[in-house]
Protein backbone atom coordinates (compact mmCIF):
# COMPACT_ATOMS: atom_id res chain seq x y z
CA UNK A 1 0.00 0.00 0.00
CA UNK A 2 1.11 3.56 -0.70
CA UNK A 3 2.93 5.36 2.11
CA UNK A 4 0.88 7.97 3.96
CA UNK A 5 0.95 10.24 6.97
CA UNK A 6 -1.84 10.58 9.49
CA UNK A 7 -1.25 14.33 9.27
CA UNK A 8 -1.79 14.37 5.50
CA UNK A 9 -5.08 15.51 4.00
CA UNK A 10 -7.48 12.62 3.97
CA UNK A 11 -5.15 10.42 6.03
CA UNK A 12 -5.72 6.68 5.76
CA UNK A 13 -8.68 6.85 3.37
CA UNK A 14 -6.72 9.08 0.99
CA UNK A 15 -3.86 6.58 0.96
CA UNK A 16 -6.21 3.69 0.14
CA UNK A 17 -7.82 5.63 -2.72
CA UNK A 18 -4.39 6.64 -4.04
CA UNK A 19 -3.22 3.04 -3.92
CA UNK A 20 -6.36 1.84 -5.72
CA UNK A 21 -6.00 4.49 -8.42
CA UNK A 22 -2.44 3.30 -9.03
CA UNK A 23 -3.54 -0.35 -9.20
CA UNK A 24 -6.37 0.17 -11.69
CA UNK A 25 -4.04 1.43 -14.39
CA UNK A 26 -3.86 -2.29 -15.28
CA UNK A 27 -6.27 -5.15 -14.63
CA UNK A 28 -4.97 -8.71 -14.66
CA UNK A 29 -7.27 -11.72 -15.00
CA UNK A 30 -6.04 -14.98 -13.54
CA UNK A 31 -7.57 -18.40 -13.11
CA UNK A 32 -7.51 -21.91 -14.52
CA UNK A 33 -7.94 -22.80 -18.18
CA UNK A 34 -11.40 -22.20 -19.66
CA UNK A 35 -12.65 -19.90 -16.89
CA UNK A 36 -13.42 -17.07 -19.31
CA UNK A 37 -10.36 -14.86 -18.93
CA UNK A 38 -10.12 -13.97 -22.62
CA UNK A 39 -13.87 -13.45 -23.13
CA UNK A 40 -14.23 -11.33 -20.00
CA UNK A 41 -10.97 -9.51 -20.68
CA UNK A 42 -12.00 -8.39 -24.17
CA UNK A 43 -15.35 -7.06 -22.94
CA UNK A 44 -13.79 -5.37 -19.91
CA UNK A 45 -11.12 -3.67 -22.04
CA UNK A 46 -13.79 -2.49 -24.46
CA UNK A 47 -15.89 -1.05 -21.64
CA UNK A 48 -12.95 0.75 -20.03
CA UNK A 49 -11.34 1.71 -23.36
CA UNK A 50 -8.21 -0.14 -22.29
CA UNK A 51 -5.91 -2.28 -24.44
CA UNK A 52 -6.60 -6.02 -24.22
CA UNK A 53 -3.73 -8.52 -24.22
CA UNK A 54 -3.82 -12.30 -23.84
CA UNK A 55 -0.47 -13.67 -22.68
CA UNK A 56 -0.93 -17.03 -24.41
CA UNK A 57 -1.73 -15.39 -27.76
CA UNK A 58 1.07 -12.89 -27.33
CA UNK A 59 3.57 -15.67 -26.60
CA UNK A 60 2.40 -17.63 -29.64
CA UNK A 61 2.91 -14.53 -31.75
CA UNK A 62 6.36 -13.84 -30.33
CA UNK A 63 7.51 -17.44 -30.57
CA UNK A 64 5.92 -18.01 -33.97
CA UNK A 65 3.95 -21.18 -33.17
CA UNK A 66 0.94 -22.55 -31.26
CA UNK A 67 1.58 -23.55 -27.64
CA UNK A 68 1.39 -27.26 -28.49
CA UNK A 69 4.18 -26.87 -31.07
CA UNK A 70 6.30 -24.74 -28.73
CA UNK A 71 5.96 -27.30 -25.94
CA UNK A 72 6.57 -30.25 -28.31
CA UNK A 73 9.78 -28.67 -29.65
CA UNK A 74 11.19 -27.02 -26.54
CA UNK A 75 9.29 -28.35 -23.51
CA UNK A 76 7.17 -26.67 -20.85
CA UNK A 77 10.20 -25.16 -19.08
CA UNK A 78 11.02 -23.11 -22.20
CA UNK A 79 7.41 -21.89 -22.48
CA UNK A 80 7.25 -21.01 -18.78
CA UNK A 81 10.48 -19.02 -19.05
CA UNK A 82 9.06 -17.02 -21.98
CA UNK A 83 5.87 -16.50 -19.96
CA UNK A 84 7.89 -15.30 -16.95
CA UNK A 85 9.75 -12.77 -19.12
CA UNK A 86 6.44 -11.46 -20.47
CA UNK A 87 5.07 -11.03 -16.92
CA UNK A 88 8.12 -8.91 -16.09
CA UNK A 89 6.83 -6.36 -18.64
CA UNK A 90 3.44 -5.91 -16.92
CA UNK A 91 4.49 -3.16 -14.45
CA UNK A 92 5.46 -0.99 -17.44
CA UNK A 93 2.03 -1.35 -19.07
CA UNK A 94 -0.72 1.25 -18.72
CA UNK A 95 -4.47 1.03 -19.24
CA UNK A 96 -4.26 -2.64 -20.10
CA UNK A 97 -6.49 -5.61 -19.34
CA UNK A 98 -4.30 -8.70 -19.36
CA UNK A 99 -5.63 -12.27 -19.52
CA UNK A 100 -2.92 -14.57 -18.20
CA UNK A 101 -2.38 -18.28 -18.76
CA UNK A 102 -3.59 -20.60 -16.02
CA UNK A 103 -0.07 -21.33 -14.81
CA UNK A 104 1.18 -17.74 -14.78
CA UNK A 105 0.26 -17.49 -11.09
CA UNK A 106 3.11 -19.92 -10.34
CA UNK A 107 5.68 -17.25 -11.23
CA UNK A 108 5.50 -15.95 -7.68
CA UNK A 109 8.32 -13.40 -7.82
CA UNK A 110 6.83 -11.72 -10.88
CA UNK A 111 3.32 -12.04 -9.45
CA UNK A 112 4.29 -10.04 -6.36
CA UNK A 113 5.31 -7.16 -8.64
CA UNK A 114 2.04 -7.47 -10.56
CA UNK A 115 0.05 -7.31 -7.31
CA UNK A 116 1.73 -4.00 -6.45
CA UNK A 117 0.64 -2.25 -9.64
CA UNK A 118 -2.42 -4.10 -10.95
CA UNK A 119 -5.92 -5.01 -9.84
CA UNK A 120 -6.01 -8.81 -10.05
CA UNK A 121 -9.25 -10.72 -10.61
CA UNK A 122 -9.45 -14.48 -10.17
CA UNK A 123 -12.05 -16.09 -12.44
CA UNK A 124 -12.93 -19.42 -10.85
CA UNK A 125 -14.94 -22.49 -11.85
CA UNK A 126 -15.35 -26.06 -10.65
CA UNK A 127 -13.68 -29.07 -12.26
CA UNK A 128 -16.82 -30.27 -14.10
CA UNK A 129 -17.43 -26.84 -15.64
CA UNK A 130 -13.80 -26.44 -16.71
CA UNK A 131 -13.81 -29.90 -18.31
CA UNK A 132 -17.06 -29.21 -20.18
CA UNK A 133 -15.80 -25.86 -21.45
CA UNK A 134 -12.57 -27.44 -22.64
CA UNK A 135 -14.57 -30.12 -24.50
CA UNK A 136 -16.68 -27.42 -26.18
CA UNK A 137 -13.68 -25.31 -27.23
CA UNK A 138 -12.54 -26.23 -30.77
CA UNK A 139 -9.09 -24.69 -30.04
CA UNK A 140 -8.61 -26.53 -26.77
CA UNK A 141 -6.11 -29.10 -28.00
CA UNK A 142 -4.00 -26.54 -29.86
CA UNK A 143 -4.01 -23.88 -27.15
CA UNK A 144 -4.18 -26.09 -24.08
CA UNK A 145 -1.76 -29.02 -24.29
CA UNK A 146 -1.54 -31.41 -21.36
CA UNK A 147 0.77 -30.29 -18.59
CA UNK A 148 1.10 -33.61 -16.80
CA UNK A 149 0.22 -36.27 -19.36
CA UNK A 150 -2.56 -37.48 -17.02
CA UNK A 151 -6.22 -37.85 -18.06
CA UNK A 152 -7.96 -34.45 -18.29
CA UNK A 153 -10.10 -34.90 -15.15
CA UNK A 154 -7.11 -35.89 -13.02
CA UNK A 155 -4.96 -33.10 -14.42
CA UNK A 156 -7.58 -30.43 -13.71
CA UNK A 157 -8.05 -31.66 -10.14
CA UNK A 158 -4.31 -31.90 -9.49
CA UNK A 159 -3.48 -28.46 -10.89
CA UNK A 160 -6.45 -26.74 -9.23
CA UNK A 161 -5.44 -28.18 -5.87
CA UNK A 162 -1.91 -26.83 -6.33
CA UNK A 163 -2.89 -23.43 -7.70
CA UNK A 164 -6.00 -22.54 -5.68
CA UNK A 165 -3.99 -21.19 -2.71
CA UNK A 166 -1.89 -19.12 -5.13
CA UNK A 167 -4.99 -17.71 -6.84
CA UNK A 168 -6.45 -16.88 -3.42
CA UNK A 169 -3.33 -15.10 -2.16
CA UNK A 170 -2.56 -13.46 -5.50
CA UNK A 171 -5.90 -11.78 -6.24
CA UNK A 172 -7.90 -8.74 -5.16
CA UNK A 173 -11.23 -10.25 -6.22
CA UNK A 174 -12.53 -13.79 -6.80
CA UNK A 175 -15.52 -14.35 -9.10
CA UNK A 176 -17.28 -17.68 -9.60
CA UNK A 177 -17.91 -17.90 -13.36
CA UNK A 178 -20.23 -20.93 -13.32
CA UNK A 179 -23.50 -20.09 -15.05
CA UNK A 180 -22.56 -16.44 -15.54
CA UNK A 181 -22.26 -14.57 -18.82
CA UNK A 182 -19.04 -12.62 -19.49
CA UNK A 183 -20.96 -9.32 -19.59
CA UNK A 184 -22.32 -9.92 -16.08
CA UNK A 185 -18.81 -10.68 -14.79
CA UNK A 186 -17.53 -7.46 -16.37
CA UNK A 187 -20.23 -5.47 -14.57
CA UNK A 188 -19.28 -7.13 -11.30
CA UNK A 189 -15.59 -6.25 -11.74
CA UNK A 190 -16.39 -2.63 -12.56
CA UNK A 191 -18.76 -2.43 -9.59
CA UNK A 192 -16.14 -3.80 -7.21
CA UNK A 193 -13.49 -1.43 -8.47
CA UNK A 194 -15.81 1.61 -8.41
CA UNK A 195 -14.19 2.98 -11.54
CA UNK A 196 -17.19 3.91 -13.67
C-alpha cells in the first residue's frame, strides 16, 4: 500500500484511494484454463477503453507457433520461461487488461510485482465446468496441451489443488464464473473497483 501520513489531508482513506487508483491502471485476469479470462478480458477492455492482451496469444505470436508446437519442440520449461519474461513487462504497461495463462500465477516473484501495480481478478470455476468448457472449445487441444500427461479430469483436479492457494493469495477479487455470462462478470468487476 502507498505510504501515507496521518497528518496528511485525507489520512488513511486518501492513501487507500491513491493506492487503488495506481492499481487500476492495469487489470490482470487470472484463473484456470477455460474460466473465461479472454472473453471477460475483451469485454472489460472495451468497456474501459483499455488495451486487451492475452499472454498465451502474445507468446504464440512472439515465438511463432501454437503452444502445443512450442511445448513439443522445446518443452514446458522453455514456455514457462518465456511467460515469466512477459510477466516482467506488466508493471510498465498502462491502461491494459491482461488475460494470463492458467499457470502464470506460479511465477510468484513476478506475481508479487504485478500485485503491487495491478488489480487482479481471479475467475474461478469447478472441475466439471472447466472440463465441459474445454470439450466445447474447438481450439482446446491446440491452445491447451496437457501439462502432466494425465487424463484431463485428473490433471484439472491436481493443478487446481496446487494453484487454488496461489490464486487466493494473489488476487484482489474472486468471481465464480459458473452459469454467468461474461458481460455480467464485467459489470461485477467494474462495480467492485468503483471505476465507472
